């Protein structure tokens, strides 16, 4: 049984499995990559959420301020209409009070910056009194939406209509109007105040939003009244299909939402609010790009830094892995060289059998094992008959070939891993058989003898005409205090007896041949 000169399992720390350094390095570098990427993602995701949350707070505050201002604007105009309406109905008629009413209307318009004018129309839509000095003769408002609304609805509440161009001065205005009834409650006319659209344009400009930001004032049905940025063609457009009116307002009267505008296609964070006193909706929005502008800059910077770190780790990892691979190749080469040296140190270079050094170490191991387990240990010593004559007759080259052939015969008969075939010296061989008694040893020896003869190696100097071997067997159970030298000597003595009794035979130390012992064991 071959025993290596160096055994990793018997080296310091060899009881532990050796760490696969290359796999560990790759796993570590991959873990570093994943951790850095994960930390970057978490940091960017948290920053993203923080910026959006802050933007939602700002949007809510901005929308609340706009809603309050819009409500105050319309309420001031509505209060003017309420006081004028009560005064007109108290007069019962205005034919003798036109001059006085015109002055009152004019003072009310001067008092409120948002008012473009105040107008009183009769039940046919004809102008009666206005805040202007010159009356718009020949221009009625019977076709206006607000006039038809009051004409068809008995409600005395204020009505806000989509923005229109005033026929008095051509200015864009937002009509807020009230119905005027006679003493019997019949429709008598309409009192209307026009709120300047330009007023809301200036009002919207007073708030700080980005270039792609947006503000709007709309009726609750989605009709656009005022917008920043102002585009005349969009006034009166319907926003009812937009998400604010179709999705969010039905669920809550105020809130925030990231929406792509149906007007210009820009994605914005909208804050929206429906006014409590009037059927109006205000909204203010900053574009998503402007909200996340700082985040994008930070993300690019953080990503660049992490990318540089990952590049450094990757380069270091590549160099390290390359060095590990080189070390593994060198180690593999050293291991191969060590194995080759081990074979050279423990095996015969000509026959490939174990040499005496390995044989002696194996004997020590098997003596100890046999003593622990109380199992027999056998040794066969073999010698080529008339080998000197063979060398003299055929030469040393043929003699080496003969030795190799005999060695192959021995090796071929050793079927167990524990069996060890040895070139003991010159033309002498040995076979160590652990856990084998004398009968097993004799059977093995006989098998070897016949195997050598079967090779039919011509030997004119032998009585048989071919190369033969003589074999001596010895077997005992080690007790722990036995001598290896004595063990070898007794097997060698058995070999001497086989040679003394005529060669080409197997013998034990008593001088009995294998055939004699086998016949006796059969009886």
Protein backbone atom coordinates (compact mmCIF):
# COMPACT_ATOMS: atom_id res chain seq x y z
CA UNK A 1 0.00 0.00 0.00
CA UNK A 2 1.77 3.22 -1.12
CA UNK A 3 2.31 5.83 1.59
CA UNK A 4 2.99 9.35 0.29
CA UNK A 5 5.94 11.34 1.58
CA UNK A 6 3.70 14.41 2.05
CA UNK A 7 0.02 14.23 2.92
CA UNK A 8 -1.99 17.45 3.00
CA UNK A 9 -4.36 15.89 5.53
CA UNK A 10 -1.48 15.45 7.97
CA UNK A 11 -0.11 18.95 7.42
CA UNK A 12 -0.80 21.71 9.94
CA UNK A 13 -4.44 22.67 9.58
CA UNK A 14 -4.93 19.85 7.11
CA UNK A 15 -7.97 18.53 8.93
CA UNK A 16 -9.89 21.51 7.58
CA UNK A 17 -10.85 21.69 3.97
CA UNK A 18 -8.67 24.06 2.10
CA UNK A 19 -10.40 27.31 1.23
CA UNK A 20 -11.05 27.60 -2.54
CA UNK A 21 -9.33 30.99 -2.76
CA UNK A 22 -10.33 31.80 -6.34
CA UNK A 23 -14.02 31.16 -5.68
CA UNK A 24 -13.83 33.09 -2.42
CA UNK A 25 -12.18 36.03 -4.18
CA UNK A 26 -14.79 36.08 -6.95
CA UNK A 27 -17.58 35.79 -4.38
CA UNK A 28 -16.10 38.61 -2.29
CA UNK A 29 -15.68 40.94 -5.25
CA UNK A 30 -19.19 40.13 -6.47
CA UNK A 31 -20.54 40.83 -2.98
CA UNK A 32 -18.74 44.17 -2.92
CA UNK A 33 -20.21 45.03 -6.31
CA UNK A 34 -23.72 44.06 -5.20
CA UNK A 35 -23.41 45.92 -1.89
CA UNK A 36 -22.19 49.12 -3.52
CA UNK A 37 -24.88 48.95 -6.19
CA UNK A 38 -27.50 48.17 -3.54
CA UNK A 39 -26.38 51.07 -1.33
CA UNK A 40 -26.39 53.40 -4.33
CA UNK A 41 -29.89 52.27 -5.24
CA UNK A 42 -31.17 52.71 -1.68
CA UNK A 43 -29.58 56.16 -1.39
CA UNK A 44 -30.98 57.31 -4.73
CA UNK A 45 -34.40 55.83 -4.02
CA UNK A 46 -34.56 57.50 -0.60
CA UNK A 47 -33.41 60.82 -2.06
CA UNK A 48 -35.99 60.47 -4.84
CA UNK A 49 -38.78 59.93 -2.31
CA UNK A 50 -37.58 62.84 -0.16
CA UNK A 51 -37.49 65.26 -3.09
CA UNK A 52 -40.94 64.20 -4.27
CA UNK A 53 -42.34 64.44 -0.74
CA UNK A 54 -40.91 67.92 -0.33
CA UNK A 55 -42.30 68.90 -3.72
CA UNK A 56 -45.74 67.61 -2.70
CA UNK A 57 -45.66 69.78 0.44
CA UNK A 58 -44.64 72.82 -1.60
CA UNK A 59 -47.31 72.05 -4.19
CA UNK A 60 -49.99 71.73 -1.50
CA UNK A 61 -49.02 75.06 0.07
CA UNK A 62 -48.89 76.77 -3.31
CA UNK A 63 -52.30 75.46 -4.34
CA UNK A 64 -53.84 76.48 -1.02
CA UNK A 65 -52.53 80.04 -1.47
CA UNK A 66 -53.84 80.25 -5.04
CA UNK A 67 -57.20 78.85 -4.02
CA UNK A 68 -57.53 81.36 -1.21
CA UNK A 69 -56.62 84.25 -3.47
CA UNK A 70 -58.99 83.09 -6.21
CA UNK A 71 -61.82 82.65 -3.74
CA UNK A 72 -61.20 86.12 -2.29
CA UNK A 73 -61.13 87.61 -5.79
CA UNK A 74 -64.49 86.17 -6.77
CA UNK A 75 -66.02 86.77 -3.34
CA UNK A 76 -65.13 90.48 -3.47
CA UNK A 77 -66.76 90.77 -6.89
CA UNK A 78 -69.74 88.75 -5.72
CA UNK A 79 -70.22 90.99 -2.68
CA UNK A 80 -70.31 94.00 -5.00
CA UNK A 81 -73.00 92.29 -7.10
CA UNK A 82 -74.98 91.33 -4.02
CA UNK A 83 -75.03 94.89 -2.68
CA UNK A 84 -75.88 96.37 -6.09
CA UNK A 85 -78.57 93.76 -6.70
CA UNK A 86 -80.23 94.49 -3.37
CA UNK A 87 -80.06 98.23 -4.02
CA UNK A 88 -81.50 97.92 -7.55
CA UNK A 89 -84.35 95.69 -6.41
CA UNK A 90 -85.07 98.14 -3.56
CA UNK A 91 -85.38 101.02 -6.08
CA UNK A 92 -87.95 99.10 -8.10
CA UNK A 93 -86.86 100.89 -11.27
CA UNK A 94 -83.69 102.39 -12.69
CA UNK A 95 -84.88 104.68 -15.46
CA UNK A 96 -84.47 107.83 -13.31
CA UNK A 97 -81.36 106.47 -11.51
CA UNK A 98 -79.11 105.59 -14.47
CA UNK A 99 -76.69 108.43 -13.91
CA UNK A 100 -76.40 107.68 -10.24
CA UNK A 101 -76.04 103.93 -10.84
CA UNK A 102 -73.32 104.53 -13.44
CA UNK A 103 -71.31 106.48 -10.88
CA UNK A 104 -71.81 103.79 -8.24
CA UNK A 105 -70.77 101.08 -10.73
CA UNK A 106 -67.69 103.10 -11.66
CA UNK A 107 -66.67 103.59 -8.01
CA UNK A 108 -67.01 99.85 -7.35
CA UNK A 109 -64.80 99.04 -10.36
CA UNK A 110 -62.21 101.57 -9.24
CA UNK A 111 -62.21 100.05 -5.74
CA UNK A 112 -61.41 96.51 -6.95
CA UNK A 113 -58.38 96.01 -9.15
CA UNK A 114 -59.68 92.72 -10.54
CA UNK A 115 -62.85 94.26 -12.03
CA UNK A 116 -62.99 95.27 -15.66
CA UNK A 117 -66.54 96.58 -15.44
CA UNK A 118 -70.03 96.15 -13.98
CA UNK A 119 -73.06 95.87 -16.26
CA UNK A 120 -76.82 95.75 -15.86
CA UNK A 121 -78.94 94.22 -18.63
CA UNK A 122 -82.72 94.04 -18.96
CA UNK A 123 -84.68 90.89 -19.59
CA UNK A 124 -84.05 91.14 -23.37
CA UNK A 125 -80.32 91.39 -22.85
CA UNK A 126 -80.12 95.08 -23.69
CA UNK A 127 -77.68 97.28 -21.89
CA UNK A 128 -79.20 99.41 -19.12
CA UNK A 129 -76.33 100.73 -16.99
CA UNK A 130 -72.55 100.07 -16.98
CA UNK A 131 -69.49 101.36 -15.23
CA UNK A 132 -68.36 102.91 -18.50
CA UNK A 133 -69.30 106.49 -19.46
CA UNK A 134 -70.18 105.50 -22.99
CA UNK A 135 -72.85 102.86 -23.36
CA UNK A 136 -72.47 100.12 -25.96
CA UNK A 137 -75.60 100.94 -27.95
CA UNK A 138 -76.90 98.23 -30.23
CA UNK A 139 -74.98 95.47 -28.47
CA UNK A 140 -77.07 93.03 -26.45
CA UNK A 141 -75.96 89.95 -24.52
CA UNK A 142 -78.94 87.70 -25.08
CA UNK A 143 -76.62 85.18 -26.72
CA UNK A 144 -74.18 85.03 -23.83
CA UNK A 145 -74.09 81.84 -21.73
CA UNK A 146 -74.45 83.65 -18.44
CA UNK A 147 -77.55 85.59 -19.66
CA UNK A 148 -79.25 82.42 -20.91
CA UNK A 149 -78.39 80.67 -17.64
CA UNK A 150 -80.15 83.27 -15.52
CA UNK A 151 -82.99 83.52 -18.02
CA UNK A 152 -83.62 79.79 -17.67
CA UNK A 153 -82.80 79.32 -13.95
CA UNK A 154 -84.60 80.97 -11.07
CA UNK A 155 -81.58 80.67 -8.75
CA UNK A 156 -80.40 83.96 -7.23
CA UNK A 157 -76.92 82.55 -6.54
CA UNK A 158 -73.87 83.94 -8.31
CA UNK A 159 -72.98 82.27 -11.58
CA UNK A 160 -69.46 82.08 -13.02
CA UNK A 161 -69.12 81.57 -16.77
CA UNK A 162 -66.19 80.72 -19.05
CA UNK A 163 -63.95 83.61 -20.03
CA UNK A 164 -65.17 85.81 -22.87
CA UNK A 165 -64.14 88.97 -24.67
CA UNK A 166 -66.04 91.99 -23.41
CA UNK A 167 -68.14 93.72 -26.04
CA UNK A 168 -67.65 96.97 -24.16
CA UNK A 169 -63.85 97.19 -24.47
CA UNK A 170 -62.67 93.93 -26.10
CA UNK A 171 -60.86 92.78 -22.95
CA UNK A 172 -60.82 89.14 -21.83
CA UNK A 173 -63.01 88.84 -18.75
CA UNK A 174 -64.47 86.16 -16.48
CA UNK A 175 -68.17 86.91 -15.98
CA UNK A 176 -69.66 86.57 -12.50
CA UNK A 177 -73.36 87.39 -12.58
CA UNK A 178 -76.58 87.43 -10.63
CA UNK A 179 -80.24 87.30 -11.68
CA UNK A 180 -82.44 90.35 -11.09
CA UNK A 181 -86.14 89.69 -10.39
CA UNK A 182 -89.08 92.03 -10.10
CA UNK A 183 -91.35 92.22 -7.08
CA UNK A 184 -93.26 89.16 -8.27
CA UNK A 185 -90.08 87.08 -8.69
CA UNK A 186 -90.14 87.25 -12.47
CA UNK A 187 -86.95 87.56 -14.50
CA UNK A 188 -86.10 91.20 -14.89
CA UNK A 189 -82.50 91.14 -16.07
CA UNK A 190 -78.89 90.28 -15.23
CA UNK A 191 -76.26 92.11 -13.21
CA UNK A 192 -72.74 91.09 -14.30
CA UNK A 193 -69.25 91.95 -13.15
CA UNK A 194 -66.35 91.19 -15.43
CA UNK A 195 -63.14 90.01 -13.72
CA UNK A 196 -60.06 90.77 -15.76
CA UNK A 197 -58.35 87.68 -17.12
CA UNK A 198 -55.17 89.74 -17.07
CA UNK A 199 -55.58 90.05 -13.31
CA UNK A 200 -55.18 86.28 -12.93
CA UNK A 201 -52.31 86.32 -15.38
CA UNK A 202 -50.45 88.81 -13.18
CA UNK A 203 -51.55 86.93 -10.08
CA UNK A 204 -50.16 83.64 -11.42
CA UNK A 205 -46.89 85.34 -12.35
CA UNK A 206 -46.39 86.37 -8.73
CA UNK A 207 -45.76 82.71 -7.78
CA UNK A 208 -42.41 81.04 -8.33
CA UNK A 209 -42.67 77.98 -10.58
CA UNK A 210 -40.26 76.64 -13.17
CA UNK A 211 -40.36 77.41 -16.88
CA UNK A 212 -42.31 74.25 -17.62
CA UNK A 213 -44.56 74.72 -14.60
CA UNK A 214 -48.26 75.40 -14.95
CA UNK A 215 -51.20 76.98 -13.09
CA UNK A 216 -54.81 77.05 -14.06
CA UNK A 217 -58.24 78.13 -12.95
CA UNK A 218 -61.15 76.12 -14.30
CA UNK A 219 -64.82 75.58 -13.74
CA UNK A 220 -65.78 72.43 -11.89
CA UNK A 221 -66.91 70.89 -15.21
CA UNK A 222 -63.33 71.21 -16.51
CA UNK A 223 -63.74 74.34 -18.66
CA UNK A 224 -60.42 76.21 -18.61
CA UNK A 225 -60.77 79.84 -17.52
CA UNK A 226 -57.21 81.04 -16.91
CA UNK A 227 -53.80 79.44 -17.27
CA UNK A 228 -50.12 80.11 -16.87
CA UNK A 229 -48.49 80.16 -19.35
CA UNK A 230 -51.28 82.09 -21.05
CA UNK A 231 -52.37 80.96 -24.50
CA UNK A 232 -55.51 82.58 -25.85
CA UNK A 233 -56.44 79.57 -27.97
CA UNK A 234 -56.64 77.39 -24.84
CA UNK A 235 -59.16 79.60 -23.03
CA UNK A 236 -62.44 77.72 -22.85
CA UNK A 237 -60.82 74.35 -23.62
CA UNK A 238 -62.17 71.35 -21.73
CA UNK A 239 -60.00 69.56 -19.17
CA UNK A 240 -62.74 67.12 -18.22
CA UNK A 241 -60.86 64.19 -19.74
CA UNK A 242 -57.73 65.03 -17.78
CA UNK A 243 -56.86 62.91 -14.78
CA UNK A 244 -57.51 65.67 -12.25
CA UNK A 245 -61.18 65.96 -13.24
CA UNK A 246 -61.83 62.36 -14.30
CA UNK A 247 -59.83 60.48 -11.67
CA UNK A 248 -58.72 62.52 -8.66
CA UNK A 249 -61.41 65.14 -7.96
CA UNK A 250 -64.19 62.53 -7.68
CA UNK A 251 -62.17 60.91 -4.85
CA UNK A 252 -60.88 64.01 -3.03
CA UNK A 253 -61.45 67.76 -3.33
CA UNK A 254 -57.72 68.43 -2.79
CA UNK A 255 -54.52 66.52 -3.28
CA UNK A 256 -51.36 65.93 -5.33
CA UNK A 257 -50.73 63.79 -8.38
CA UNK A 258 -48.00 63.23 -10.96
CA UNK A 259 -49.80 63.76 -14.26
CA UNK A 260 -48.94 64.22 -17.91
CA UNK A 261 -50.85 67.27 -19.09
CA UNK A 262 -53.50 66.80 -21.79
CA UNK A 263 -52.75 70.37 -22.95
CA UNK A 264 -49.00 70.29 -23.63
CA UNK A 265 -47.91 66.71 -22.78
CA UNK A 266 -45.47 67.75 -20.00
CA UNK A 267 -45.34 65.54 -16.89
CA UNK A 268 -45.84 67.60 -13.76
CA UNK A 269 -46.56 67.19 -10.07
CA UNK A 270 -49.96 68.86 -9.68
CA UNK A 271 -51.48 70.19 -6.51
CA UNK A 272 -55.22 70.67 -7.03
CA UNK A 273 -58.03 72.09 -4.90
CA UNK A 274 -61.73 72.71 -5.42
CA UNK A 275 -63.00 75.99 -3.97
CA UNK A 276 -65.64 75.68 -1.29
CA UNK A 277 -67.65 78.82 -2.06
CA UNK A 278 -67.68 78.65 -5.88
CA UNK A 279 -67.68 75.91 -8.54
CA UNK A 280 -64.04 76.50 -9.37
CA UNK A 281 -60.92 74.36 -9.36
CA UNK A 282 -57.37 75.68 -9.09
CA UNK A 283 -54.18 73.74 -9.71
CA UNK A 284 -50.47 74.49 -9.64
CA UNK A 285 -47.70 72.29 -10.87
CA UNK A 286 -43.95 72.12 -11.30
CA UNK A 287 -42.48 69.84 -13.96
CA UNK A 288 -41.04 66.55 -12.83
CA UNK A 289 -37.72 67.43 -14.45
CA UNK A 290 -37.35 70.63 -12.41
CA UNK A 291 -38.41 68.89 -9.17
CA UNK A 292 -35.82 66.17 -9.71
CA UNK A 293 -33.15 68.41 -11.22
CA UNK A 294 -31.12 68.37 -8.00
CA UNK A 295 -31.75 64.65 -7.63
CA UNK A 296 -30.49 63.98 -11.14
CA UNK A 297 -27.32 65.98 -10.46
CA UNK A 298 -26.75 64.12 -7.20
CA UNK A 299 -27.56 60.80 -8.86
CA UNK A 300 -25.05 61.42 -11.66
CA UNK A 301 -22.39 62.42 -9.15
CA UNK A 302 -23.06 59.48 -6.83
CA UNK A 303 -23.21 57.07 -9.75
CA UNK A 304 -19.93 58.39 -11.12
CA UNK A 305 -18.22 58.01 -7.73
CA UNK A 306 -19.58 54.49 -7.23
CA UNK A 307 -18.63 53.62 -10.82
CA UNK A 308 -15.05 54.74 -10.14
CA UNK A 309 -14.98 52.70 -6.93
CA UNK A 310 -16.39 49.69 -8.75
CA UNK A 311 -13.82 50.17 -11.50
CA UNK A 312 -11.06 50.23 -8.88
CA UNK A 313 -12.47 47.17 -7.14
CA UNK A 314 -12.86 45.46 -10.50
CA UNK A 315 -9.26 46.19 -11.51
CA UNK A 316 -8.00 45.07 -8.12
CA UNK A 317 -10.17 41.98 -8.34
CA UNK A 318 -8.92 41.21 -11.84
CA UNK A 319 -5.30 41.51 -10.70
CA UNK A 320 -6.00 39.47 -7.58
CA UNK A 321 -7.86 36.74 -9.47
CA UNK A 322 -5.09 36.69 -12.06
CA UNK A 323 -2.51 36.27 -9.29
CA UNK A 324 -4.59 33.56 -7.64
CA UNK A 325 -4.85 31.69 -10.94
CA UNK A 326 -1.11 32.00 -11.43
CA UNK A 327 -0.57 30.77 -7.87
CA UNK A 328 -2.90 27.85 -8.48
CA UNK A 329 -1.06 26.96 -11.69
CA UNK A 330 2.26 27.18 -9.89
CA UNK A 331 0.87 25.13 -7.03
CA UNK A 332 -0.50 22.55 -9.45
CA UNK A 333 2.89 22.36 -11.16
CA UNK A 334 4.56 22.01 -7.78
CA UNK A 335 2.08 19.34 -6.80
CA UNK A 336 2.75 17.44 -10.00
CA UNK A 337 6.47 17.83 -9.46
CA UNK A 338 6.06 16.71 -5.85
CA UNK A 339 4.06 13.70 -6.95
CA UNK A 340 6.71 12.90 -9.53
CA UNK A 341 9.44 13.26 -6.90
CA UNK A 342 7.39 11.15 -4.54
CA UNK A 343 7.13 8.42 -7.16
CA UNK A 344 10.85 8.68 -7.82
CA UNK A 345 11.57 8.53 -4.08
CA UNK A 346 9.27 5.61 -3.36
CA UNK A 347 9.31 3.54 -6.56
CA UNK A 348 11.85 1.68 -8.59
CA UNK A 349 12.59 3.54 -11.82
CA UNK A 350 13.03 0.36 -13.90
CA UNK A 351 10.07 -1.77 -12.85
CA UNK A 352 7.69 0.84 -11.44
CA UNK A 353 7.29 -1.23 -8.25
CA UNK A 354 7.65 0.23 -4.77
CA UNK A 355 11.23 0.47 -3.53
CA UNK A 356 12.64 -0.52 -0.17
CA UNK A 357 12.00 2.93 1.35
CA UNK A 358 8.28 2.70 0.74
CA UNK A 359 8.34 -0.95 1.71
CA UNK A 360 9.84 -0.20 5.14
CA UNK A 361 7.34 2.60 5.85
CA UNK A 362 4.47 0.35 4.81
CA UNK A 363 5.74 -2.37 7.11
CA UNK A 364 5.69 0.04 10.07
CA UNK A 365 2.10 1.06 9.30
CA UNK A 366 0.89 -2.51 8.78
CA UNK A 367 2.63 -3.75 11.93
CA UNK A 368 0.78 -1.11 13.96
CA UNK A 369 -2.54 -1.77 12.26
CA UNK A 370 -2.20 -5.56 12.58
CA UNK A 371 -1.40 -5.21 16.27
CA UNK A 372 -4.45 -2.97 16.85
CA UNK A 373 -6.85 -5.19 14.92
CA UNK A 374 -5.18 -8.59 15.63
CA UNK A 375 -5.11 -9.45 11.92
CA UNK A 376 -2.46 -11.56 10.19
CA UNK A 377 0.26 -10.02 8.05
CA UNK A 378 2.03 -11.99 5.31
CA UNK A 379 5.16 -11.41 3.26
CA UNK A 380 6.27 -13.12 0.07
CA UNK A 381 9.92 -12.89 -0.96
CA UNK A 382 10.63 -13.84 -4.58
CA UNK A 383 13.84 -14.31 -6.54
CA UNK A 384 14.40 -14.95 -10.29
CA UNK A 385 16.02 -18.33 -10.79
CA UNK A 386 19.44 -18.42 -12.51
CA UNK A 387 19.26 -14.69 -13.25
CA UNK A 388 23.08 -14.31 -13.43
CA UNK A 389 23.15 -16.90 -16.20
CA UNK A 390 20.35 -14.97 -17.96
CA UNK A 391 22.37 -11.74 -17.85
CA UNK A 392 25.54 -13.49 -19.01
CA UNK A 393 23.69 -15.17 -21.88
CA UNK A 394 21.41 -12.38 -23.12
CA UNK A 395 23.04 -9.20 -21.80
CA UNK A 396 22.00 -6.56 -19.32
CA UNK A 397 19.43 -4.93 -21.61
CA UNK A 398 17.55 -8.21 -21.90
CA UNK A 399 18.07 -8.65 -18.14
CA UNK A 400 16.32 -5.31 -17.50
CA UNK A 401 13.47 -6.41 -19.77
CA UNK A 402 13.21 -9.68 -17.85
CA UNK A 403 13.01 -7.77 -14.54
CA UNK A 404 10.24 -5.59 -15.95
CA UNK A 405 8.25 -8.61 -17.13
CA UNK A 406 8.50 -10.31 -13.75
CA UNK A 407 7.49 -7.05 -12.03
CA UNK A 408 4.39 -6.81 -14.24
CA UNK A 409 3.50 -10.39 -13.29
CA UNK A 410 3.74 -9.49 -9.59
CA UNK A 411 1.71 -6.31 -10.03
CA UNK A 412 -0.93 -8.14 -12.03
CA UNK A 413 -1.48 -10.60 -9.19
CA UNK A 414 -1.93 -7.87 -6.55
CA UNK A 415 -5.63 -7.12 -6.93
CA UNK A 416 -6.23 -5.38 -3.61
CA UNK A 417 -5.22 -1.77 -2.94
CA UNK A 418 -3.58 -2.84 0.30
CA UNK A 419 -1.27 -5.32 -1.46
CA UNK A 420 2.18 -3.87 -2.13
CA UNK A 421 4.59 -5.28 -4.76
CA UNK A 422 8.22 -4.27 -4.12
CA UNK A 423 11.53 -4.56 -5.92
CA UNK A 424 13.64 -5.47 -2.93
CA UNK A 425 16.97 -5.43 -4.72
CA UNK A 426 18.62 -6.79 -7.87
CA UNK A 427 16.47 -9.70 -9.04
CA UNK A 428 14.75 -10.05 -5.66
CA UNK A 429 11.12 -8.95 -5.12
CA UNK A 430 8.69 -8.82 -2.20
CA UNK A 431 4.90 -8.72 -1.86
CA UNK A 432 3.36 -7.40 1.36
CA UNK A 433 -0.12 -8.80 2.06
CA UNK A 434 -2.00 -7.14 4.96
CA UNK A 435 -4.90 -9.03 6.55
CA UNK A 436 -3.74 -12.28 4.89
CA UNK A 437 -2.87 -15.59 6.58
CA UNK A 438 -0.31 -18.16 5.40
CA UNK A 439 -2.79 -19.97 3.18
CA UNK A 440 -3.64 -16.75 1.37
CA UNK A 441 0.05 -15.93 1.04
CA UNK A 442 0.83 -19.37 -0.41
CA UNK A 443 -2.05 -19.09 -2.88
CA UNK A 444 -0.82 -15.67 -4.00
CA UNK A 445 2.76 -16.90 -4.29
CA UNK A 446 1.68 -19.85 -6.43
CA UNK A 447 -0.33 -17.51 -8.64
CA UNK A 448 2.77 -15.32 -9.11
CA UNK A 449 4.96 -18.31 -9.93
CA UNK A 450 2.56 -19.51 -12.59
CA UNK A 451 2.07 -16.00 -13.99
CA UNK A 452 5.82 -15.64 -14.50
CA UNK A 453 6.02 -19.00 -16.25
CA UNK A 454 3.02 -18.11 -18.40
CA UNK A 455 4.98 -15.21 -19.85
CA UNK A 456 7.33 -17.82 -21.33
CA UNK A 457 10.48 -15.71 -21.20
CA UNK A 458 13.16 -17.86 -22.91
CA UNK A 459 16.04 -18.82 -20.61
CA UNK A 460 18.43 -21.37 -22.02
CA UNK A 461 20.33 -21.49 -18.70
CA UNK A 462 17.30 -22.78 -16.82
CA UNK A 463 16.36 -26.46 -16.65
CA UNK A 464 12.81 -25.49 -17.48
CA UNK A 465 13.86 -23.46 -20.57
CA UNK A 466 12.11 -20.28 -19.43
CA UNK A 467 12.39 -17.74 -16.67
CA UNK A 468 11.01 -18.98 -13.31
CA UNK A 469 10.90 -17.61 -9.78
CA UNK A 470 11.31 -19.10 -6.33
CA UNK A 471 9.11 -17.73 -3.54
CA UNK A 472 9.19 -17.88 0.24
CA UNK A 473 6.20 -17.04 2.47
CA UNK A 474 5.90 -16.04 6.07
CA UNK A 475 2.81 -14.97 8.03
CA UNK A 476 2.12 -13.93 11.62
CA UNK A 477 -0.17 -11.76 13.73
CA UNK A 478 1.71 -8.67 15.02
CA UNK A 479 1.67 -8.18 18.76
CA UNK A 480 3.10 -4.70 18.98
CA UNK A 481 6.68 -5.60 19.97
CA UNK A 482 7.72 -7.38 16.80
CA UNK A 483 10.85 -6.75 14.75
CA UNK A 484 10.53 -5.81 11.12
CA UNK A 485 14.00 -7.16 10.41
CA UNK A 486 13.05 -10.57 11.86
CA UNK A 487 9.85 -10.60 9.80
CA UNK A 488 11.84 -10.01 6.59
CA UNK A 489 14.52 -12.49 7.58
CA UNK A 490 11.98 -15.27 8.10
CA UNK A 491 10.36 -14.66 4.72
CA UNK A 492 13.82 -14.54 3.21
CA UNK A 493 14.68 -17.82 4.93
CA UNK A 494 11.58 -19.37 3.40
CA UNK A 495 12.79 -18.16 0.00
CA UNK A 496 16.20 -19.75 0.67
CA UNK A 497 14.47 -23.04 1.42
CA UNK A 498 12.53 -22.84 -1.87
CA UNK A 499 15.77 -22.28 -3.78
CA UNK A 500 17.56 -25.01 -1.83
CA UNK A 501 14.76 -27.48 -2.67
CA UNK A 502 15.17 -27.03 -6.42
CA UNK A 503 13.88 -23.58 -7.32
CA UNK A 504 10.71 -22.72 -9.26
CA UNK A 505 8.60 -23.40 -6.20
CA UNK A 506 6.90 -21.82 -3.17
CA UNK A 507 8.01 -22.61 0.39
CA UNK A 508 7.33 -21.60 3.96
CA UNK A 509 9.84 -21.18 6.75
CA UNK A 510 9.40 -24.88 7.77
CA UNK A 511 10.53 -25.98 4.36
CA UNK A 512 7.12 -27.15 3.25
CA UNK A 513 6.08 -26.31 -0.25
CA UNK A 514 2.82 -24.64 -1.11
CA UNK A 515 1.55 -27.91 -2.54
CA UNK A 516 2.32 -29.73 0.72
CA UNK A 517 0.54 -27.14 2.86
CA UNK A 518 -2.46 -26.97 0.59
CA UNK A 519 -2.76 -30.77 0.55
CA UNK A 520 -2.51 -30.84 4.36
CA UNK A 521 -5.13 -28.14 4.75
CA UNK A 522 -7.45 -30.15 2.48
CA UNK A 523 -7.09 -33.19 4.78
